[in-house]
């Protein structure tokens, strides 16, 4: 991370309480570090590291599943806000999928409200949804699975086509086989049988500011890979 010289680093699924993070690695030099933990230990959580101190940090979205599970933290600067979001997974069963849909309903209201503000937004997230067939290897066999359900894909259609947000990665990279998550089974990562679940959603005013996008695969840190986006701001 230090070698990347990133201005802002957004983390999702931190799965720790801030008081446990006594090792200096969790407070990297040159960064202001902010955490938002789930109430349940070892679960969910988000964080954001910023080289430039934000004007304000906001934790939570004002509805239960987001706030009790530490699923959103936002850093505000002059005219720009950067959010770190961890959208729920529904893969554990029908109840979790219902909670995921509930979250999506509430979060869509929030995203619509942001469009009325006089500022730009970058939402960096594990969305736990693939949008198009190009975004996962085995799309045919996953059409009835959480993460590629028709309802989830329509939700992203609404976010982009109706509300006006942009998938920043696809502005500069339209290539196939661009995945950020792989199952731990069946040598999925080695074979690059993956899903693109992690991406930046940005407001229209930032679309022409996107200069590059990379999914970093030279080292493995978890079942997700870091997504590195560069903006000319």
Foldseek 3Di string as FASTA:
>chain_A
DVVVVDQKDKDKQPQADPVVPPDCVQVDPLWDKDWQAAQDHRTIIMIMIGNDAAPDKDWFDPDDVCRNHRAKMWGHHVQEIEMEGEQFWPQVDDVSVVVSVVVLVSVVVVLLVVLPDRHKYKYWYQQLAFQDPLFFDPLPVCCVGGRNDPVRNVSVVCVPVPSNKDFQQCLADPDGLQAFAFDPPDCCVVVSRHGHRTTIIIHPVQNVFWDHWDFDDPDDDDRGTDIDTDGND
